N, C-alpha and C. Protein backbone atom coordinates (compact mmCIF):
# COMPACT_ATOMS: atom_id res chain seq x y z
N ALA A 1 -27.96 -50.63 4.00
CA ALA A 1 -27.88 -51.81 3.71
C ALA A 1 -28.96 -52.28 2.26
N PRO A 2 -28.23 -53.17 1.80
CA PRO A 2 -28.82 -52.52 0.17
C PRO A 2 -29.79 -53.31 0.15
N PHE A 3 -30.49 -53.36 1.13
CA PHE A 3 -32.20 -54.11 0.52
C PHE A 3 -32.98 -53.47 0.75
N GLU A 4 -34.90 -52.88 0.68
CA GLU A 4 -36.07 -52.23 0.54
C GLU A 4 -36.39 -52.79 1.57
N ASP A 5 -36.66 -54.07 2.36
CA ASP A 5 -37.13 -53.47 3.81
C ASP A 5 -36.33 -53.77 5.03
N ARG A 6 -37.60 -53.61 5.59
CA ARG A 6 -36.74 -53.49 7.60
C ARG A 6 -35.88 -54.97 7.90
N GLU A 7 -36.97 -55.62 7.42
CA GLU A 7 -36.27 -57.43 7.95
C GLU A 7 -35.59 -57.51 7.24
N SER A 8 -35.35 -57.46 6.21
CA SER A 8 -33.74 -58.17 4.91
C SER A 8 -33.01 -57.20 5.71
N LYS A 9 -32.95 -55.55 5.85
CA LYS A 9 -31.54 -55.00 6.50
C LYS A 9 -31.19 -55.60 7.57
N VAL A 10 -32.57 -56.16 8.86
CA VAL A 10 -31.45 -56.69 9.76
C VAL A 10 -30.91 -58.32 9.98
N ARG A 11 -31.91 -58.57 9.11
CA ARG A 11 -30.65 -60.21 8.84
C ARG A 11 -29.79 -60.12 8.05
N TYR A 12 -29.07 -59.05 7.40
CA TYR A 12 -28.39 -58.45 6.25
C TYR A 12 -27.08 -58.37 7.82
N ALA A 13 -27.38 -57.05 8.56
CA ALA A 13 -26.69 -56.52 9.65
C ALA A 13 -26.35 -57.77 10.82
N LEU A 14 -27.09 -58.27 11.18
CA LEU A 14 -26.62 -59.27 11.99
C LEU A 14 -26.12 -61.11 11.29
N MET A 15 -26.18 -60.93 9.78
CA MET A 15 -25.41 -62.03 9.01
C MET A 15 -24.13 -61.69 9.05
N THR A 16 -23.70 -59.95 8.75
CA THR A 16 -22.30 -59.39 8.37
C THR A 16 -21.93 -59.22 9.86
N MET A 17 -22.39 -58.77 11.42
CA MET A 17 -21.63 -58.38 12.08
C MET A 17 -22.33 -58.68 13.77
N GLY A 18 -22.58 -59.80 13.71
CA GLY A 18 -23.08 -60.93 14.24
C GLY A 18 -22.14 -61.77 15.31
N SER A 19 -21.01 -62.00 14.30
CA SER A 19 -19.82 -63.11 14.58
C SER A 19 -19.04 -61.96 15.18
N SER A 20 -18.73 -60.97 14.88
CA SER A 20 -17.92 -60.16 15.66
C SER A 20 -18.20 -59.58 16.73
N ILE A 21 -20.16 -59.15 16.63
CA ILE A 21 -20.51 -58.41 18.45
C ILE A 21 -20.35 -60.33 19.53
N LEU A 22 -20.44 -61.72 19.04
CA LEU A 22 -20.78 -62.14 20.05
C LEU A 22 -19.02 -62.41 20.12
N ASN A 23 -17.67 -62.45 18.94
CA ASN A 23 -16.53 -62.52 19.16
C ASN A 23 -15.94 -61.68 20.41
N ALA A 24 -17.05 -60.67 20.07
CA ALA A 24 -16.48 -59.07 21.12
C ALA A 24 -16.22 -60.01 22.74
N GLY A 25 -17.96 -59.78 22.78
CA GLY A 25 -18.13 -60.14 24.48
C GLY A 25 -18.14 -61.10 24.93
N GLY A 26 -17.63 -62.34 23.77
CA GLY A 26 -16.67 -63.82 23.88
C GLY A 26 -15.83 -63.14 24.62
N SER A 27 -14.67 -62.94 24.14
CA SER A 27 -13.30 -62.53 24.71
C SER A 27 -13.09 -62.06 25.73
N THR A 28 -14.08 -61.03 25.67
CA THR A 28 -14.13 -59.96 27.04
C THR A 28 -14.59 -60.50 28.60
N LEU A 29 -15.29 -61.99 28.32
CA LEU A 29 -16.51 -62.52 29.21
C LEU A 29 -15.13 -63.91 29.40
N LEU A 30 -14.46 -64.47 28.52
CA LEU A 30 -12.90 -64.98 28.99
C LEU A 30 -11.91 -64.90 29.81
N GLY A 31 -12.03 -63.39 28.94
CA GLY A 31 -10.38 -62.09 29.23
C GLY A 31 -10.82 -62.01 31.16
N THR A 32 -12.57 -61.88 31.53
CA THR A 32 -12.78 -61.47 32.92
C THR A 32 -13.17 -62.34 33.80
N LEU A 33 -12.89 -63.96 33.56
CA LEU A 33 -12.87 -64.66 34.14
C LEU A 33 -12.63 -64.83 35.26
N PHE A 34 -10.80 -64.76 35.31
CA PHE A 34 -10.24 -65.27 36.05
C PHE A 34 -10.49 -64.88 37.23
N LEU A 35 -11.75 -63.13 37.72
CA LEU A 35 -11.40 -62.57 38.21
C LEU A 35 -13.21 -63.31 39.29
N ALA A 36 -13.51 -63.95 38.56
CA ALA A 36 -14.54 -65.08 39.31
C ALA A 36 -14.33 -65.66 41.07
N GLY A 37 -12.46 -65.91 41.02
CA GLY A 37 -12.24 -66.98 41.57
C GLY A 37 -10.53 -66.03 42.23
N SER A 38 -11.71 -64.92 42.80
CA SER A 38 -10.81 -64.15 43.60
C SER A 38 -11.40 -63.90 44.57
N ASP A 39 -10.37 -63.41 45.87
CA ASP A 39 -11.57 -63.61 47.02
C ASP A 39 -11.44 -62.44 48.06
N SER A 40 -11.16 -61.08 46.59
CA SER A 40 -11.04 -60.09 47.05
C SER A 40 -12.60 -59.83 46.62
N VAL A 41 -13.47 -58.58 47.68
CA VAL A 41 -14.67 -58.57 47.59
C VAL A 41 -14.96 -57.85 46.10
N VAL A 42 -13.59 -56.96 45.90
CA VAL A 42 -13.80 -56.06 45.41
C VAL A 42 -13.55 -55.92 44.11
N PHE A 43 -13.13 -57.15 43.61
CA PHE A 43 -12.41 -58.18 42.22
C PHE A 43 -13.94 -58.64 42.59
N ARG A 44 -14.32 -59.40 42.78
CA ARG A 44 -15.59 -60.20 42.66
C ARG A 44 -16.80 -59.08 42.52
N THR A 45 -17.01 -57.91 42.78
CA THR A 45 -17.94 -57.29 42.19
C THR A 45 -17.74 -56.51 40.86
N PHE A 46 -16.61 -56.05 40.74
CA PHE A 46 -15.93 -55.30 39.54
C PHE A 46 -16.38 -56.99 38.46
N PHE A 47 -16.42 -57.84 38.57
CA PHE A 47 -16.62 -59.33 37.55
C PHE A 47 -18.11 -59.39 37.80
N ILE A 48 -18.71 -59.29 38.49
CA ILE A 48 -20.03 -59.37 38.32
C ILE A 48 -20.74 -58.00 37.22
N PHE A 49 -20.20 -57.32 37.79
CA PHE A 49 -20.34 -55.51 36.85
C PHE A 49 -20.10 -55.94 36.08
N MET A 50 -18.28 -56.25 35.32
CA MET A 50 -17.77 -56.31 34.08
C MET A 50 -19.24 -57.26 32.98
N TRP A 51 -19.44 -58.49 33.27
CA TRP A 51 -20.66 -60.01 33.08
C TRP A 51 -21.65 -59.26 33.14
N GLY A 52 -22.46 -58.20 33.44
CA GLY A 52 -24.00 -57.44 33.37
C GLY A 52 -23.47 -57.09 32.61
N THR A 53 -22.75 -56.25 32.52
CA THR A 53 -22.61 -54.91 31.66
C THR A 53 -22.30 -55.99 29.72
N ILE A 54 -21.68 -56.60 30.39
CA ILE A 54 -21.34 -57.69 28.89
C ILE A 54 -22.78 -58.53 28.49
N PHE A 55 -23.24 -58.85 29.19
CA PHE A 55 -24.75 -59.57 29.19
C PHE A 55 -25.68 -58.46 28.16
N LEU A 56 -25.44 -57.57 29.12
CA LEU A 56 -26.65 -56.59 28.40
C LEU A 56 -26.31 -55.20 27.10
N GLY A 57 -25.05 -56.20 27.34
CA GLY A 57 -24.71 -55.42 25.32
C GLY A 57 -24.58 -56.68 24.78
N LEU A 58 -24.81 -58.06 24.78
CA LEU A 58 -24.36 -58.76 23.79
C LEU A 58 -26.18 -59.01 22.90
N PHE A 59 -27.32 -58.29 24.21
CA PHE A 59 -28.48 -58.77 24.46
C PHE A 59 -28.80 -57.33 23.51
N SER A 60 -28.72 -56.99 24.13
CA SER A 60 -29.06 -54.72 23.18
C SER A 60 -28.53 -55.55 21.87
N GLY A 61 -27.59 -55.41 21.34
CA GLY A 61 -27.18 -55.41 19.97
C GLY A 61 -27.44 -56.77 19.43
N LEU A 62 -27.92 -58.34 19.60
CA LEU A 62 -28.15 -59.10 19.05
C LEU A 62 -29.56 -59.17 19.26
N ALA A 63 -30.44 -58.87 20.24
CA ALA A 63 -31.84 -59.26 20.71
C ALA A 63 -32.58 -58.13 20.36
N PHE A 64 -32.08 -56.75 20.65
CA PHE A 64 -33.18 -55.94 21.11
C PHE A 64 -33.27 -55.00 19.84
N ALA A 65 -31.58 -54.24 19.69
CA ALA A 65 -31.67 -53.18 18.65
C ALA A 65 -32.39 -54.01 17.29
N PRO A 66 -31.66 -55.17 16.78
CA PRO A 66 -32.14 -55.43 15.95
C PRO A 66 -34.19 -55.82 15.86
N VAL A 67 -34.53 -56.69 17.03
CA VAL A 67 -35.77 -56.58 17.00
C VAL A 67 -36.67 -54.68 16.84
N VAL A 68 -36.25 -54.31 17.49
CA VAL A 68 -36.86 -52.78 17.21
C VAL A 68 -36.75 -52.11 15.79
N LEU A 69 -35.52 -51.97 15.75
CA LEU A 69 -35.09 -51.36 14.15
C LEU A 69 -36.22 -52.60 13.36
N SER A 70 -36.42 -53.56 13.42
CA SER A 70 -36.86 -53.77 12.40
C SER A 70 -38.50 -53.52 12.59
N LEU A 71 -38.79 -53.47 13.55
CA LEU A 71 -40.48 -52.40 13.40
C LEU A 71 -40.15 -51.23 13.19
N ILE A 72 -39.16 -50.48 13.39
CA ILE A 72 -39.43 -48.91 13.47
C ILE A 72 -38.57 -48.42 12.12
N GLY A 73 -37.22 -49.41 12.22
CA GLY A 73 -36.10 -48.55 11.27
C GLY A 73 -36.56 -47.62 10.36
N PRO A 74 -35.25 -47.04 9.78
CA PRO A 74 -35.79 -46.72 8.14
C PRO A 74 -35.92 -47.69 7.61
N LEU A 75 -36.56 -47.01 6.18
CA LEU A 75 -37.22 -47.68 5.12
C LEU A 75 -35.83 -47.20 4.02
N ALA A 76 -36.13 -47.35 3.25
CA ALA A 76 -34.71 -47.65 1.62
C ALA A 76 -35.13 -46.27 1.40
N ALA A 77 -33.63 -45.68 1.40
CA ALA A 77 -33.15 -44.40 0.74
C ALA A 77 -33.22 -44.25 -0.66
N PRO A 78 -33.44 -43.68 -1.06
CA PRO A 78 -33.28 -42.94 -2.12
C PRO A 78 -30.98 -43.69 -3.20
N ARG A 79 -31.45 -44.51 -4.11
CA ARG A 79 -30.20 -44.46 -4.22
C ARG A 79 -29.96 -43.60 -6.12
N SER A 80 -28.35 -43.39 -5.70
CA SER A 80 -28.23 -42.87 -6.90
C SER A 80 -26.91 -43.27 -7.42
N GLN A 81 -26.99 -43.03 -8.74
CA GLN A 81 -26.62 -44.58 -9.75
C GLN A 81 -24.97 -43.72 -9.82
N PRO A 82 -23.66 -44.49 -9.65
CA PRO A 82 -22.27 -43.93 -9.16
C PRO A 82 -22.01 -43.19 -10.53
N GLY A 83 -22.02 -42.25 -10.52
CA GLY A 83 -21.10 -41.28 -11.90
C GLY A 83 -19.94 -41.26 -12.14
N ARG A 84 -19.75 -39.80 -13.22
CA ARG A 84 -17.74 -40.09 -13.02
C ARG A 84 -16.82 -39.36 -12.20
N GLY A 85 -16.16 -40.43 -11.70
CA GLY A 85 -15.77 -39.98 -10.30
C GLY A 85 -15.73 -40.35 -8.85
N GLN A 86 -16.90 -41.20 -9.19
CA GLN A 86 -17.19 -41.96 -8.31
C GLN A 86 -17.31 -43.34 -7.80
N ARG A 87 -17.11 -43.52 -6.76
CA ARG A 87 -16.50 -45.34 -6.33
C ARG A 87 -18.04 -45.82 -6.45
N GLN A 88 -18.72 -46.95 -6.42
CA GLN A 88 -18.96 -47.47 -6.31
C GLN A 88 -18.97 -48.22 -4.99
N SER A 89 -19.85 -48.28 -4.27
CA SER A 89 -20.06 -48.85 -2.14
C SER A 89 -20.12 -50.07 -2.45
N ALA A 90 -19.86 -50.62 -1.57
CA ALA A 90 -20.02 -52.04 -1.07
C ALA A 90 -21.25 -52.14 -1.28
N GLY A 91 -22.57 -51.22 -0.13
CA GLY A 91 -23.66 -52.01 -1.02
C GLY A 91 -24.15 -52.10 -1.96
N SER A 92 -23.22 -51.35 -2.50
CA SER A 92 -24.12 -51.37 -4.27
C SER A 92 -23.31 -52.95 -4.96
N MET A 93 -22.15 -52.54 -4.52
CA MET A 93 -21.90 -53.95 -5.10
C MET A 93 -22.29 -55.83 -3.91
N PHE A 94 -22.85 -55.66 -3.19
CA PHE A 94 -23.46 -56.62 -2.63
C PHE A 94 -24.85 -56.78 -3.16
N SER A 95 -25.45 -55.35 -3.32
CA SER A 95 -27.19 -56.41 -3.84
C SER A 95 -27.34 -56.90 -5.15
N GLU A 96 -26.25 -57.42 -5.97
CA GLU A 96 -26.31 -58.08 -6.87
C GLU A 96 -26.11 -59.81 -6.12
N HIS A 97 -25.45 -59.82 -5.25
CA HIS A 97 -25.18 -61.42 -4.85
C HIS A 97 -26.30 -61.29 -3.39
N SER A 98 -27.49 -60.54 -3.02
CA SER A 98 -28.03 -60.20 -2.17
C SER A 98 -28.26 -61.48 -1.58
N SER A 99 -29.12 -62.21 -3.03
CA SER A 99 -30.12 -63.49 -2.61
C SER A 99 -29.20 -64.80 -2.09
N LEU A 100 -27.80 -64.42 -1.88
CA LEU A 100 -26.88 -65.71 -1.52
C LEU A 100 -27.11 -65.53 0.34
N TYR A 101 -27.58 -65.13 0.52
CA TYR A 101 -26.71 -64.39 1.73
C TYR A 101 -28.78 -64.58 2.88
N LEU A 102 -29.44 -64.82 2.36
CA LEU A 102 -31.06 -64.40 2.77
C LEU A 102 -31.38 -65.44 2.37
N GLN A 103 -30.96 -66.84 2.53
CA GLN A 103 -31.28 -68.47 1.82
C GLN A 103 -30.96 -69.00 3.62
């Protein structure tokens, strides 16, 4: 991430990937919702395990991991300037406009 402190890195990660995680979890929840109305014990058990796994994954990706990484995550790595023959990374391009995302 193009930031120096851990909290800004976590905020950037949640702002850029948080909606994708929610969309993935929500679409999977909707896709397995039909199993709730089944009369079969096997399908109902599968439904419970699927929803439990999805909620655990959503909690892990949106709440637990960001908190842990903001406390003990890596600090900023030294940056190298793009030289001849190297392309500028998306992270370094984003850092010029980072104040827009931190408001």
